[in-house]
Protein backbone atom coordinates (compact mmCIF):
# COMPACT_ATOMS: atom_id res chain seq x y z
CA MET A 1 100.32 165.22 84.57
CA PRO A 2 103.18 165.38 86.82
CA PRO A 3 103.70 168.78 88.45
CA SER A 4 105.79 171.50 86.90
CA LEU A 5 109.27 171.88 88.16
CA ARG A 6 109.40 174.76 90.39
CA LYS A 7 112.91 175.93 90.72
CA ALA A 8 115.67 176.68 88.42
CA CYS A 9 119.21 174.85 89.35
CA HIS A 10 122.08 176.51 90.97
CA SER A 11 124.03 177.54 88.16
CA CYS A 12 121.33 179.29 86.04
CA THR A 13 120.23 181.10 88.87
CA ILE A 14 123.77 182.51 89.68
CA ALA A 15 124.56 183.31 86.10
CA LYS A 16 120.80 184.60 85.88
CA ARG A 17 120.36 182.58 82.78
CA ARG A 18 117.07 180.74 81.76
CA CYS A 19 116.96 177.11 83.12
CA VAL A 20 115.10 174.39 81.29
CA PRO A 21 115.38 171.73 84.13
CA GLN A 22 115.77 167.79 83.59
CA LEU A 23 117.69 165.09 84.93
CA PRO A 24 120.82 164.49 85.20
CA GLN A 25 121.35 168.02 83.98
CA CYS A 26 119.28 171.09 82.55
CA THR A 27 120.13 172.07 78.89
CA ARG A 28 122.35 174.76 79.44
CA CYS A 29 124.62 172.95 82.33
CA ALA A 30 125.17 169.81 79.75
CA GLU A 31 126.19 171.71 77.20
CA LYS A 32 128.59 173.72 79.11
CA GLY A 33 129.93 170.95 81.37
CA LEU A 34 128.38 172.81 84.66
CA ARG A 35 127.87 170.88 87.82
CA CYS A 36 123.91 171.10 87.96
CA THR A 37 121.99 170.78 91.24
CA TYR A 38 118.80 171.69 92.58
CA ASP A 39 117.00 172.56 95.82
CA LEU A 40 114.06 170.73 94.68
CA GLU A 41 114.08 167.57 92.54
CA PRO A 42 112.88 168.34 89.28
CA VAL A 43 110.60 166.37 87.02
CA THR A 44 112.44 165.29 83.95
CA ASN A 45 110.36 167.81 81.71
CA LEU A 46 106.94 169.44 81.51
CA GLU A 47 105.53 166.46 79.49
CA THR A 48 104.75 162.79 80.59
CA GLY A 49 107.70 160.18 81.29
CA SER A 50 106.57 157.83 78.61
CA SER A 51 106.12 160.53 75.63
CA CYS A 52 109.79 162.17 75.99
CA PRO A 53 112.51 160.33 77.91
CA PRO A 54 114.96 162.23 79.87
CA GLN A 55 117.52 163.96 77.82
CA THR A 56 121.36 163.79 78.15
CA ILE A 57 123.54 165.53 75.78
CA ALA A 58 126.33 163.12 74.74
CA GLN A 59 129.76 164.45 73.85
CA SER A 60 130.50 164.34 70.17
CA PRO A 61 133.64 162.34 69.29
CA TRP A 62 134.86 165.09 66.98
CA GLU A 63 134.61 167.55 69.68
CA PRO A 64 138.02 168.80 70.88
CA LEU A 65 138.78 167.49 74.51
CA SER A 66 140.62 169.18 77.34
CA PRO A 67 143.83 171.00 76.51
CA ILE A 68 146.11 168.94 78.17
CA ILE A 69 149.74 168.76 76.68
CA PHE A 70 151.83 165.99 78.05
CA ASP A 71 155.62 166.18 78.18
CA SER A 72 156.86 162.43 77.30
CA VAL A 73 155.46 159.47 75.32
CA ALA A 74 155.00 157.60 78.63
CA SER A 75 152.50 160.17 79.92
CA ALA A 76 150.77 160.38 76.74
CA HIS A 77 150.67 156.68 76.67
CA GLU A 78 149.16 156.22 80.17
CA ALA A 79 146.36 158.99 79.13
CA ALA A 80 145.41 156.90 76.07
CA VAL A 81 145.26 153.74 77.81
CA HIS A 82 143.25 155.67 80.75
CA SER A 83 140.66 157.03 77.95
CA PHE A 84 140.34 153.77 76.16
CA THR A 85 139.53 151.71 79.41
CA SER A 86 137.32 154.27 80.62
CA ASP A 87 133.73 155.07 79.62
CA ARG A 88 134.50 158.23 78.43
CA GLN A 89 135.18 159.03 74.47
CA GLU A 90 138.41 157.69 73.17
CA MET A 91 141.16 160.50 72.78
CA LEU A 92 144.37 161.17 71.08
CA PRO A 93 146.87 162.84 73.65
CA VAL A 94 148.64 165.56 72.66
CA MET A 95 152.53 165.70 73.17
CA ALA A 96 155.05 168.63 73.22
CA ASN A 97 158.59 168.70 74.78
CA GLN A 98 161.24 171.13 72.84
CA GLU A 99 164.08 169.81 74.92
CA THR A 100 163.41 166.06 73.80
CA LEU A 101 162.89 166.96 70.38
CA MET A 102 165.80 169.34 69.90
CA MET A 103 167.86 166.24 71.52
CA VAL A 104 166.68 163.86 68.96
CA VAL A 105 166.88 166.34 65.91
CA GLU A 106 170.51 167.23 66.87
CA ARG A 107 171.62 163.31 67.68
CA TYR A 108 169.59 161.47 65.23
CA LEU A 109 167.33 162.99 62.59
CA ARG A 110 169.41 165.60 61.24
CA PHE A 111 171.67 162.63 59.44
CA ILE A 112 168.81 160.75 58.02
CA PRO A 113 168.15 162.64 54.90
CA LEU A 114 171.92 162.76 53.70
CA LEU A 115 172.24 158.82 54.69
CA THR A 116 169.07 158.17 52.65
CA PHE A 117 170.25 160.51 49.58
CA GLN A 118 173.99 158.47 49.92
CA GLN A 119 172.14 155.13 49.70
CA ARG A 120 173.63 154.47 53.12
CA THR A 121 171.92 152.77 56.03
CA THR A 122 169.39 154.81 58.32
CA PRO A 123 167.68 153.72 61.66
CA TYR A 124 164.73 152.75 59.28
CA ILE A 125 165.68 151.40 55.90
CA HIS A 126 168.63 149.08 55.29
CA SER A 127 171.36 150.05 52.54
CA GLN A 128 170.73 146.94 51.13
CA LEU A 129 167.17 147.83 49.54
CA LEU A 130 168.64 151.59 48.56
CA LEU A 131 171.82 150.16 46.86
CA ALA A 132 169.86 147.64 44.98
CA SER A 133 166.73 149.96 43.75
CA LYS A 134 167.61 150.74 40.21
CA ARG A 135 164.28 152.25 38.82
CA THR A 136 163.70 154.67 41.31
CA SER A 137 167.10 155.96 42.41
CA ALA A 138 167.45 159.40 40.69
CA SER A 139 171.12 160.01 39.07
CA VAL A 140 170.95 163.45 40.52
CA VAL A 141 171.03 162.16 43.85
CA LEU A 142 174.87 161.05 44.08
CA LEU A 143 175.86 163.77 41.43
CA ASP A 144 174.41 166.67 43.70
CA ILE A 145 175.85 165.60 47.02
CA ASP A 146 179.09 167.47 47.61
CA GLY A 147 181.09 167.00 50.90
CA SER A 148 182.39 170.41 50.91
CA GLU A 149 178.77 171.74 51.41
CA ALA A 150 177.84 172.58 55.08
CA THR A 151 174.82 170.72 54.80
CA PRO A 152 175.28 168.52 51.56
CA GLY A 153 172.17 166.98 49.75
CA THR A 154 169.54 169.39 51.19
CA ASN A 155 169.90 172.92 49.61
CA ALA A 156 166.64 174.03 47.56
CA ALA A 157 167.64 173.26 44.29
CA PHE A 158 168.59 169.69 45.06
CA LEU A 159 165.14 169.21 46.98
CA LYS A 160 163.30 170.84 44.20
CA ARG A 161 164.90 168.26 41.75
CA MET A 162 164.18 165.34 43.99
CA GLN A 163 160.61 166.66 44.55
CA GLN A 164 160.03 166.49 40.52
CA HIS A 165 161.70 162.88 40.09
CA LEU A 166 159.60 161.42 42.78
CA LEU A 167 156.20 163.16 41.47
CA SER A 168 157.27 161.51 38.11
CA LEU A 169 157.33 157.91 39.43
CA LYS A 170 154.39 155.59 38.81
CA VAL A 171 154.28 153.68 42.07
CA GLU A 172 151.65 151.37 41.09
CA GLN A 173 153.98 149.83 38.75
CA LEU A 174 156.92 149.29 41.06
CA THR A 175 157.46 145.95 42.97
CA PHE A 176 157.37 146.52 46.91
CA THR A 177 161.21 146.19 47.28
CA GLU A 178 161.59 149.15 44.55
CA PHE A 179 158.84 151.04 46.24
CA LEU A 180 160.31 150.89 49.50
CA PRO A 181 163.54 152.81 48.46
CA ALA A 182 161.51 155.64 46.86
CA PHE A 183 159.22 155.90 50.21
CA HIS A 184 162.18 156.82 52.45
CA THR A 185 163.55 159.45 49.68
CA LEU A 186 160.54 160.98 49.87
CA ALA A 187 160.56 160.78 53.85
CA ALA A 188 163.88 162.31 53.47
CA VAL A 189 162.74 165.34 51.35
CA LEU A 190 159.99 166.01 53.74
CA LEU A 191 162.59 165.91 56.61
CA SER A 192 164.76 168.19 55.17
CA PHE A 193 161.98 170.84 54.42
CA VAL A 194 161.12 170.68 58.12
CA LEU A 195 164.89 170.59 59.47
CA ASN A 196 165.74 173.52 57.02
CA LEU A 197 162.50 175.31 58.61
CA ASP A 198 161.08 175.69 55.19
CA ARG A 199 157.22 175.46 54.21
CA LEU A 200 156.47 172.30 53.01
CA PRO A 201 155.01 172.24 49.43
CA PRO A 202 151.37 170.82 49.74
CA ILE A 203 151.82 168.61 46.70
CA LEU A 204 154.71 166.69 48.64
CA LEU A 205 152.16 166.36 51.74
CA ASP A 206 149.65 164.88 49.38
CA LEU A 207 151.90 162.78 47.53
CA TRP A 208 153.17 161.53 51.18
CA ALA A 209 149.74 160.55 52.35
CA THR A 210 149.14 158.75 48.68
CA TRP A 211 152.43 156.91 49.26
CA THR A 212 151.62 155.91 52.61
CA ASN A 213 148.46 154.27 51.86
CA HIS A 214 150.02 152.77 49.09
CA PHE A 215 152.85 151.22 51.42
CA HIS A 216 150.08 149.99 53.87
CA THR A 217 148.00 148.36 51.08
CA THR A 218 150.91 146.52 49.34
CA LEU A 219 153.02 145.43 52.26
CA PRO A 220 153.67 141.70 50.99
CA ARG A 221 152.78 138.87 53.35
CA THR A 222 155.96 136.87 51.79
CA LEU A 223 159.13 137.73 50.13
CA SER A 224 160.80 136.34 47.00
CA SER A 225 162.50 132.78 47.39
CA ASP A 226 165.40 134.23 45.39
CA LEU A 227 166.53 136.52 48.46
CA SER A 228 168.91 135.31 50.79
CA ALA A 229 168.51 134.96 54.50
CA TRP A 230 170.25 138.23 55.25
CA GLN A 231 168.31 140.04 52.05
CA ALA A 232 165.03 138.85 53.27
CA TRP A 233 165.75 139.89 56.61
CA CYS A 234 166.89 143.37 55.74
CA THR A 235 163.78 143.74 53.83
CA ALA A 236 161.58 142.50 56.21
CA GLU A 237 163.28 144.67 59.28
CA SER A 238 163.07 147.58 56.78
CA ALA A 239 159.32 147.31 56.24
CA ARG A 240 158.82 146.97 59.94
CA ARG A 241 160.81 150.08 60.92
CA THR A 242 159.15 151.96 58.17
CA PHE A 243 155.91 151.64 60.04
CA LEU A 244 157.68 153.75 62.96
CA TYR A 245 159.38 155.98 60.57
CA ILE A 246 155.68 157.21 59.27
CA LEU A 247 154.56 157.73 62.70
CA LEU A 248 157.49 159.59 63.58
CA LEU A 249 157.64 161.97 60.45
CA GLU A 250 154.23 162.59 60.85
CA GLY A 251 154.45 164.01 64.28
CA ILE A 252 157.49 165.80 63.27
CA VAL A 253 155.43 167.33 60.49
CA GLU A 254 152.55 168.03 62.84
CA THR A 255 155.24 169.79 65.39
CA SER A 256 156.51 171.76 62.65
CA GLN A 257 153.18 173.33 61.97
CA LYS A 258 151.33 173.60 65.16
CA GLY A 259 154.09 173.18 67.95
CA TYR A 260 153.00 170.07 69.15
CA CYS A 261 151.67 166.40 67.99
CA HIS A 262 149.19 163.91 68.69
CA TYR A 263 150.25 160.53 70.54
CA ARG A 264 149.16 157.23 68.34
CA PRO A 265 147.99 154.81 70.64
CA MET A 266 149.12 151.04 69.81
CA VAL A 267 152.57 152.33 68.33
CA GLU A 268 154.01 150.62 71.43
CA SER A 269 153.11 147.31 70.27
CA LEU A 270 154.88 147.43 66.97
CA PRO A 271 157.43 144.55 66.45
CA LEU A 272 161.26 145.13 66.05
CA ASP A 273 164.14 143.05 65.97
CA VAL A 274 166.11 144.95 67.95
CA ARG A 275 169.24 142.53 68.63
CA THR A 276 172.76 144.41 68.92
CA GLY A 277 174.65 144.05 65.54
CA LEU A 278 172.00 142.54 63.09
CA TRP A 279 170.91 146.17 61.54
CA GLU A 280 174.44 147.24 61.52
CA ALA A 281 176.07 144.24 59.60
CA GLU A 282 176.93 145.36 55.89
CA THR A 283 177.74 142.12 54.52
CA GLU A 284 175.98 138.62 54.82
CA GLU A 285 178.96 137.32 56.75
CA GLU A 286 178.83 140.03 59.50
CA TRP A 287 175.07 139.51 59.69
CA GLN A 288 175.46 135.66 60.35
CA ALA A 289 178.27 136.20 62.97
CA ALA A 290 175.93 138.75 64.58
CA VAL A 291 172.99 136.11 64.46
CA ALA A 292 175.33 133.43 65.83
CA ILE A 293 175.89 135.46 68.81
CA HIS A 294 172.30 135.83 69.76
CA GLY A 295 171.78 131.97 69.42
CA GLY A 296 171.39 131.43 65.63
CA VAL A 297 167.85 132.79 65.27
CA GLU A 298 167.44 134.58 62.19
CA SER A 299 164.34 136.77 63.36
CA GLU A 300 163.35 137.44 66.93
CA LEU A 301 160.86 140.07 67.61
CA ILE A 302 159.93 142.16 70.29
CA SER A 303 157.95 145.50 70.57
CA TRP A 304 158.75 148.84 71.24
CA ALA A 305 156.77 148.53 74.56
CA GLU A 306 158.71 145.37 75.66
CA PHE A 307 162.18 146.81 74.59
CA ILE A 308 161.33 150.06 76.86
CA GLY A 309 160.39 147.56 79.51
CA SER A 310 163.54 145.53 79.61
CA GLY A 311 165.41 148.20 81.32
CA GLY A 312 165.76 151.70 82.25
CA PRO A 313 167.08 154.79 79.99
CA GLU A 314 170.57 153.36 79.72
CA PRO A 315 171.50 151.65 76.48
CA ARG A 316 170.95 147.81 76.65
CA GLN A 317 173.80 145.28 75.97
CA CYS A 318 171.73 143.17 74.08
CA TYR A 319 169.38 145.25 72.23
CA ASP A 320 171.63 148.36 70.93
CA GLY A 321 171.89 150.39 67.93
CA MET A 322 171.11 153.82 66.30
CA LEU A 323 167.31 152.96 66.46
CA GLN A 324 167.16 151.58 70.15
CA ARG A 325 169.01 154.60 71.52
CA MET A 326 166.58 157.09 69.56
CA LEU A 327 163.69 155.26 71.07
CA LEU A 328 165.31 155.21 74.43
CA MET A 329 165.62 158.97 74.22
CA ILE A 330 162.13 159.73 72.57
CA HIS A 331 160.70 157.77 75.93
CA PHE A 332 163.19 158.84 78.75
CA GLY A 333 164.15 162.25 77.49
CA LYS A 334 167.22 163.66 79.21
CA ALA A 335 167.87 161.08 81.25
CA ALA A 336 168.73 158.65 78.08
CA ALA A 337 170.33 161.22 76.29
CA ASP A 338 172.91 162.11 79.35
CA LEU A 339 173.75 158.04 79.11
CA GLN A 340 174.48 158.11 75.47
């Protein structure tokens, strides 16, 4: 048999703790993540090497990582890439930046619920889909919104009635173009609760999880041939932007509950059509004119990462709009806000 170890490691000796020596670390140092060194190199254990190989304690993927909080999407993305390409466990970086969040809320997010309830274009769904939805729109929406209110459409009674309406819908019986406006209405209700600093009803969070899964599993590969080019573009682009909206809203909800949110790697690869003027068109003629300005191609997609990489914090002349400016503010923070 190999000789027994004659000396404990330095960390255990200093702490006056029992040491079970082995390579590359003793049990205590491996569990606590301590540096493990010896005056005399130990044998692996007291048994033969063939009967019991050296033991290392691998970190469980479910264990929390170091509590590092990043203050920007850029730094969180860099950390995610570094973690993914190294030999360590992958991680979801934690982000928190109160200044950037409040700027995004004040400039953009606080308007989204009312725009949705009024069936007007938001950064994430076009009015064409909201106005075309007959089966999922609640008659209470337009009747309840009174422009004389300080925050029309977001009072507690209105949100309660909207919650009841949404819970009554059988989404499995809806077409995708009928479901998408209802999904955005649910998102608007959730966002209203957060902006009002109200506690989110668990039943709505459960509905959000169910409907999010429904969105992902029912996303169509093709659209109806009865749609015009503009209608098809509005539907496809609204679906693409909904992916971003889901991640944004989940981050907002998580921040409201915990004070921080997790960055979702690969969000930067999501494609969009961010050409100036297309999303803002209110008629097919306006949309066709905007398409013509950009060379006549009806759909031209770039990723979030490509859009951010096309310039600095300033708005882009060819890629401008409400969503584009929001993405710049989310990525560049105050530097982008000062230029808008």
